[in-house]
Amino acid sequence: MTNEKVKTNSVVTATWVESILTLAVKGAGEISVNIDELSPMLIERAAKHGLEQRLRDRAAIARDTKTGLSASPADKFARIKSLADHYLAGGEWEMRGEGGGTRRKETDYIIEALAAIQSVEIDVMIERVAANAEKRGITPDAYLKTVAASPAVAVKVAEIKFGEADGADDMLDELTGDE
């Protein structure tokens, strides 16, 4: 596994090759750390720190461009919960489709819409989808893509996405010259 975070103006570049992290400092050198050589206690501490930071970062939401107000505590909580639910459901580190460092997949929106329509928690909906997909002999993603064709689900998905589109109307006005 190679994972490299590089910006054109970066002084420090991090590269992972399997269990080895190499940090290269422009003009100064590089150092490598193999996590297999670290103590289990240190690895646990690093995992806890990383998870806490990731969940806290999820609450970083831009101000509402129309009102200038910060996101409400409820909005921040909902974003943290959605990422925690994603992880608890076996999701990967990155969620697809959402801003703020994480991107949501279309199926994440569909699950959220179904949960809202049926007034259940997201984790309950994930379990229902998995069970029904298994009964039909298809993947949960295939199941969700089919159920998304329902007008009620499509409308709810659009509402959720619209709610995340901070500043979209202002940007459209800029494009059309209606500032």
C-alpha atoms as a PDB file:
ATOM      1  CA  MET A   1       0.000   0.000   0.000  1.00  0.00           C
ATOM      2  CA  THR A   2       1.408   3.360  -0.991  1.00  0.00           C
ATOM      3  CA  ASN A   3      -0.297   6.493   0.204  1.00  0.00           C
ATOM      4  CA  GLU A   4       1.370   9.837  -0.384  1.00  0.00           C
ATOM      5  CA  LYS A   5       0.096  13.249   0.638  1.00  0.00           C
ATOM      6  CA  VAL A   6       1.867  15.853  -1.455  1.00  0.00           C
ATOM      7  CA  LYS A   7       1.188  19.533  -2.014  1.00  0.00           C
ATOM      8  CA  THR A   8       3.302  21.459  -4.459  1.00  0.00           C
ATOM      9  CA  ASN A   9       4.494  23.801  -1.719  1.00  0.00           C
ATOM     10  CA  SER A  10       4.940  21.127   0.969  1.00  0.00           C
ATOM     11  CA  VAL A  11       8.044  21.205   3.095  1.00  0.00           C
ATOM     12  CA  VAL A  12       7.182  17.829   4.624  1.00  0.00           C
ATOM     13  CA  THR A  13       5.942  14.920   2.494  1.00  0.00           C
ATOM     14  CA  ALA A  14       4.521  11.737   4.064  1.00  0.00           C
ATOM     15  CA  THR A  15       4.630   8.445   2.175  1.00  0.00           C
ATOM     16  CA  TRP A  16       3.365   5.048   3.372  1.00  0.00           C
ATOM     17  CA  VAL A  17       4.690   1.815   1.887  1.00  0.00           C
ATOM     18  CA  GLU A  18       2.969  -1.050   3.685  1.00  0.00           C
ATOM     19  CA  SER A  19       3.763  -0.483   7.382  1.00  0.00           C
ATOM     20  CA  ILE A  20       6.572   2.027   6.847  1.00  0.00           C
ATOM     21  CA  LEU A  21       5.945   5.769   7.089  1.00  0.00           C
ATOM     22  CA  THR A  22       8.602   7.947   5.490  1.00  0.00           C
ATOM     23  CA  LEU A  23       8.678  11.680   6.138  1.00  0.00           C
ATOM     24  CA  ALA A  24      10.803  13.699   3.737  1.00  0.00           C
ATOM     25  CA  VAL A  25      11.668  17.234   4.794  1.00  0.00           C
ATOM     26  CA  LYS A  26      12.600  19.381   1.806  1.00  0.00           C
ATOM     27  CA  GLY A  27      16.297  20.217   1.901  1.00  0.00           C
ATOM     28  CA  ALA A  28      16.865  18.477   5.261  1.00  0.00           C
ATOM     29  CA  GLY A  29      16.482  14.726   4.767  1.00  0.00           C
ATOM     30  CA  GLU A  30      14.058  11.958   5.511  1.00  0.00           C
ATOM     31  CA  ILE A  31      13.191   9.549   8.290  1.00  0.00           C
ATOM     32  CA  SER A  32      11.259   6.292   8.227  1.00  0.00           C
ATOM     33  CA  VAL A  33       9.240   4.649  10.990  1.00  0.00           C
ATOM     34  CA  ASN A  34       8.002   1.079  10.720  1.00  0.00           C
ATOM     35  CA  ILE A  35       4.816   0.719  12.773  1.00  0.00           C
ATOM     36  CA  ASP A  36       5.531  -3.001  13.147  1.00  0.00           C
ATOM     37  CA  GLU A  37       8.464  -1.989  15.358  1.00  0.00           C
ATOM     38  CA  LEU A  38       6.372   0.199  17.682  1.00  0.00           C
ATOM     39  CA  SER A  39       4.939  -0.977  20.989  1.00  0.00           C
ATOM     40  CA  PRO A  40       1.288  -2.077  21.002  1.00  0.00           C
ATOM     41  CA  MET A  41       0.586   0.639  23.586  1.00  0.00           C
ATOM     42  CA  LEU A  42       1.942   3.330  21.258  1.00  0.00           C
ATOM     43  CA  ILE A  43      -0.014   1.968  18.280  1.00  0.00           C
ATOM     44  CA  GLU A  44      -3.211   1.972  20.376  1.00  0.00           C
ATOM     45  CA  ARG A  45      -2.552   5.553  21.493  1.00  0.00           C
ATOM     46  CA  ALA A  46      -1.949   6.639  17.892  1.00  0.00           C
ATOM     47  CA  ALA A  47      -5.176   4.929  16.766  1.00  0.00           C
ATOM     48  CA  LYS A  48      -7.169   6.617  19.528  1.00  0.00           C
ATOM     49  CA  HIS A  49      -5.655  10.000  18.698  1.00  0.00           C
ATOM     50  CA  GLY A  50      -6.324   9.575  14.981  1.00  0.00           C
ATOM     51  CA  LEU A  51      -9.931   8.467  15.486  1.00  0.00           C
ATOM     52  CA  GLU A  52     -10.667  11.283  17.925  1.00  0.00           C
ATOM     53  CA  GLN A  53      -9.124  13.861  15.587  1.00  0.00           C
ATOM     54  CA  ARG A  54     -11.002  12.480  12.584  1.00  0.00           C
ATOM     55  CA  LEU A  55     -14.349  12.659  14.391  1.00  0.00           C
ATOM     56  CA  ARG A  56     -13.621  16.153  15.756  1.00  0.00           C
ATOM     57  CA  ASP A  57     -12.616  17.345  12.267  1.00  0.00           C
ATOM     58  CA  ARG A  58     -15.992  16.156  11.019  1.00  0.00           C
ATOM     59  CA  ALA A  59     -17.664  18.907  13.082  1.00  0.00           C
ATOM     60  CA  ALA A  60     -15.728  21.612  11.219  1.00  0.00           C
ATOM     61  CA  ILE A  61     -18.469  23.109   9.079  1.00  0.00           C
ATOM     62  CA  ALA A  62     -18.188  26.420   7.230  1.00  0.00           C
ATOM     63  CA  ARG A  63     -20.378  29.336   8.264  1.00  0.00           C
ATOM     64  CA  ASP A  64     -23.724  29.687   6.514  1.00  0.00           C
ATOM     65  CA  THR A  65     -22.964  32.044   3.613  1.00  0.00           C
ATOM     66  CA  LYS A  66     -26.379  33.711   3.800  1.00  0.00           C
ATOM     67  CA  THR A  67     -26.708  34.269   7.553  1.00  0.00           C
ATOM     68  CA  GLY A  68     -23.043  34.325   8.569  1.00  0.00           C
ATOM     69  CA  LEU A  69     -23.939  32.055  11.486  1.00  0.00           C
ATOM     70  CA  SER A  70     -21.835  29.112  12.605  1.00  0.00           C
ATOM     71  CA  ALA A  71     -23.239  25.624  12.278  1.00  0.00           C
ATOM     72  CA  SER A  72     -25.464  24.603  15.167  1.00  0.00           C
ATOM     73  CA  PRO A  73     -24.325  22.031  17.727  1.00  0.00           C
ATOM     74  CA  ALA A  74     -27.010  19.717  16.306  1.00  0.00           C
ATOM     75  CA  ASP A  75     -25.520  20.057  12.807  1.00  0.00           C
ATOM     76  CA  LYS A  76     -22.052  19.307  14.141  1.00  0.00           C
ATOM     77  CA  PHE A  77     -23.339  16.320  16.112  1.00  0.00           C
ATOM     78  CA  ALA A  78     -25.147  14.942  13.049  1.00  0.00           C
ATOM     79  CA  ARG A  79     -21.938  15.058  11.002  1.00  0.00           C
ATOM     80  CA  ILE A  80     -19.904  13.361  13.733  1.00  0.00           C
ATOM     81  CA  LYS A  81     -22.596  10.702  14.152  1.00  0.00           C
ATOM     82  CA  SER A  82     -22.765  10.007  10.418  1.00  0.00           C
ATOM     83  CA  LEU A  83     -19.014   9.329  10.313  1.00  0.00           C
ATOM     84  CA  ALA A  84     -19.093   7.244  13.505  1.00  0.00           C
ATOM     85  CA  ASP A  85     -22.012   5.216  12.064  1.00  0.00           C
ATOM     86  CA  HIS A  86     -20.045   4.788   8.834  1.00  0.00           C
ATOM     87  CA  TYR A  87     -17.048   3.386  10.759  1.00  0.00           C
ATOM     88  CA  LEU A  88     -19.190   1.163  12.987  1.00  0.00           C
ATOM     89  CA  ALA A  89     -20.838  -0.278   9.865  1.00  0.00           C
ATOM     90  CA  GLY A  90     -17.426  -1.347   8.572  1.00  0.00           C
ATOM     91  CA  GLY A  91     -16.858   1.670   6.356  1.00  0.00           C
ATOM     92  CA  GLU A  92     -13.464   2.796   5.137  1.00  0.00           C
ATOM     93  CA  TRP A  93     -11.492   5.731   6.587  1.00  0.00           C
ATOM     94  CA  GLU A  94     -12.733   8.020   3.801  1.00  0.00           C
ATOM     95  CA  MET A  95     -16.448   8.583   3.287  1.00  0.00           C
ATOM     96  CA  ARG A  96     -17.304   9.376  -0.305  1.00  0.00           C
ATOM     97  CA  GLY A  97     -19.234  12.470  -1.419  1.00  0.00           C
ATOM     98  CA  GLU A  98     -19.027  15.069   1.373  1.00  0.00           C
ATOM     99  CA  GLY A  99     -16.727  18.000   1.764  1.00  0.00           C
ATOM    100  CA  GLY A 100     -14.553  18.785   4.721  1.00  0.00           C
ATOM    101  CA  GLY A 101     -11.994  16.119   4.013  1.00  0.00           C
ATOM    102  CA  THR A 102     -14.446  13.326   3.667  1.00  0.00           C
ATOM    103  CA  ARG A 103     -16.471  12.394   0.651  1.00  0.00           C
ATOM    104  CA  ARG A 104     -19.742  10.503   0.750  1.00  0.00           C
ATOM    105  CA  LYS A 105     -20.776   7.830  -1.685  1.00  0.00           C
ATOM    106  CA  GLU A 106     -24.177   8.107  -3.309  1.00  0.00           C
ATOM    107  CA  THR A 107     -25.258   5.064  -1.310  1.00  0.00           C
ATOM    108  CA  ASP A 108     -24.552   6.973   1.930  1.00  0.00           C
ATOM    109  CA  TYR A 109     -27.128   9.554   0.858  1.00  0.00           C
ATOM    110  CA  ILE A 110     -29.623   6.829  -0.035  1.00  0.00           C
ATOM    111  CA  ILE A 111     -29.228   5.150   3.368  1.00  0.00           C
ATOM    112  CA  GLU A 112     -29.643   8.488   5.140  1.00  0.00           C
ATOM    113  CA  ALA A 113     -32.754   9.217   3.063  1.00  0.00           C
ATOM    114  CA  LEU A 114     -34.282   5.798   3.771  1.00  0.00           C
ATOM    115  CA  ALA A 115     -33.562   6.168   7.482  1.00  0.00           C
ATOM    116  CA  ALA A 116     -35.241   9.591   7.501  1.00  0.00           C
ATOM    117  CA  ILE A 117     -38.266   8.356   5.539  1.00  0.00           C
ATOM    118  CA  GLN A 118     -38.749   5.405   7.893  1.00  0.00           C
ATOM    119  CA  SER A 119     -37.767   7.362  11.048  1.00  0.00           C
ATOM    120  CA  VAL A 120     -35.040   4.925  12.096  1.00  0.00           C
ATOM    121  CA  GLU A 121     -31.364   5.309  12.944  1.00  0.00           C
ATOM    122  CA  ILE A 122     -28.845   4.953  10.118  1.00  0.00           C
ATOM    123  CA  ASP A 123     -27.322   1.802  11.653  1.00  0.00           C
ATOM    124  CA  VAL A 124     -30.792   0.175  11.709  1.00  0.00           C
ATOM    125  CA  MET A 125     -31.255   1.036   8.032  1.00  0.00           C
ATOM    126  CA  ILE A 126     -27.818  -0.351   7.160  1.00  0.00           C
ATOM    127  CA  GLU A 127     -28.805  -3.662   8.798  1.00  0.00           C
ATOM    128  CA  ARG A 128     -32.168  -3.722   6.962  1.00  0.00           C
ATOM    129  CA  VAL A 129     -30.537  -3.040   3.619  1.00  0.00           C
ATOM    130  CA  ALA A 130     -27.896  -5.739   4.183  1.00  0.00           C
ATOM    131  CA  ALA A 131     -30.559  -8.310   5.142  1.00  0.00           C
ATOM    132  CA  ASN A 132     -32.809  -7.496   2.173  1.00  0.00           C
ATOM    133  CA  ALA A 133     -29.899  -7.467  -0.261  1.00  0.00           C
ATOM    134  CA  GLU A 134     -28.791 -10.870   1.013  1.00  0.00           C
ATOM    135  CA  LYS A 135     -32.334 -12.246   0.541  1.00  0.00           C
ATOM    136  CA  ARG A 136     -32.241 -11.075  -3.076  1.00  0.00           C
ATOM    137  CA  GLY A 137     -28.708 -12.344  -3.656  1.00  0.00           C
ATOM    138  CA  ILE A 138     -27.315  -8.914  -4.528  1.00  0.00           C
ATOM    139  CA  THR A 139     -24.889  -6.493  -2.912  1.00  0.00           C
ATOM    140  CA  PRO A 140     -26.132  -3.765  -0.568  1.00  0.00           C
ATOM    141  CA  ASP A 141     -24.909  -1.158  -3.078  1.00  0.00           C
ATOM    142  CA  ALA A 142     -26.958  -2.775  -5.878  1.00  0.00           C
ATOM    143  CA  TYR A 143     -29.991  -2.907  -3.581  1.00  0.00           C
ATOM    144  CA  LEU A 144     -29.622   0.775  -2.684  1.00  0.00           C
ATOM    145  CA  LYS A 145     -29.179   1.874  -6.288  1.00  0.00           C
ATOM    146  CA  THR A 146     -32.416   0.091  -7.209  1.00  0.00           C
ATOM    147  CA  VAL A 147     -34.424   1.497  -4.282  1.00  0.00           C
ATOM    148  CA  ALA A 148     -33.083   4.984  -5.084  1.00  0.00           C
ATOM    149  CA  ALA A 149     -35.227   4.990  -8.229  1.00  0.00           C
ATOM    150  CA  SER A 150     -38.268   5.472  -5.981  1.00  0.00           C
ATOM    151  CA  PRO A 151     -39.457   9.084  -6.316  1.00  0.00           C
ATOM    152  CA  ALA A 152     -39.805   9.460  -2.527  1.00  0.00           C
ATOM    153  CA  VAL A 153     -36.205   8.354  -1.997  1.00  0.00           C
ATOM    154  CA  ALA A 154     -34.891  10.510  -4.849  1.00  0.00           C
ATOM    155  CA  VAL A 155     -36.616  13.597  -3.409  1.00  0.00           C
ATOM    156  CA  LYS A 156     -35.226  12.923   0.093  1.00  0.00           C
ATOM    157  CA  VAL A 157     -31.691  12.385  -1.285  1.00  0.00           C
ATOM    158  CA  ALA A 158     -31.965  15.706  -3.144  1.00  0.00           C
ATOM    159  CA  GLU A 159     -33.106  17.445   0.070  1.00  0.00           C
ATOM    160  CA  ILE A 160     -30.110  16.048   1.960  1.00  0.00           C
ATOM    161  CA  LYS A 161     -27.683  17.075  -0.752  1.00  0.00           C
ATOM    162  CA  PHE A 162     -29.241  20.527  -1.022  1.00  0.00           C
ATOM    163  CA  GLY A 163     -28.787  20.963   2.715  1.00  0.00           C
ATOM    164  CA  GLU A 164     -25.052  20.329   2.281  1.00  0.00           C
ATOM    165  CA  ALA A 165     -24.655  22.725  -0.634  1.00  0.00           C
ATOM    166  CA  ASP A 166     -23.564  25.797   1.344  1.00  0.00           C
ATOM    167  CA  GLY A 167     -23.312  28.784  -0.977  1.00  0.00           C
ATOM    168  CA  ALA A 168     -24.625  26.958  -4.056  1.00  0.00           C
ATOM    169  CA  ASP A 169     -27.237  29.616  -4.844  1.00  0.00           C
ATOM    170  CA  ASP A 170     -24.662  32.394  -4.497  1.00  0.00           C
ATOM    171  CA  MET A 171     -22.286  30.554  -6.836  1.00  0.00           C
ATOM    172  CA  LEU A 172     -25.080  30.032  -9.378  1.00  0.00           C
ATOM    173  CA  ASP A 173     -25.852  33.761  -9.203  1.00  0.00           C
ATOM    174  CA  GLU A 174     -22.169  34.490  -9.889  1.00  0.00           C
ATOM    175  CA  LEU A 175     -22.234  32.246 -12.941  1.00  0.00           C
ATOM    176  CA  THR A 176     -25.378  33.829 -14.332  1.00  0.00           C
ATOM    177  CA  GLY A 177     -24.277  37.377 -13.502  1.00  0.00           C
ATOM    178  CA  ASP A 178     -27.162  37.924 -11.067  1.00  0.00           C
ATOM    179  CA  GLU A 179     -24.952  38.944  -8.160  1.00  0.00           C
END
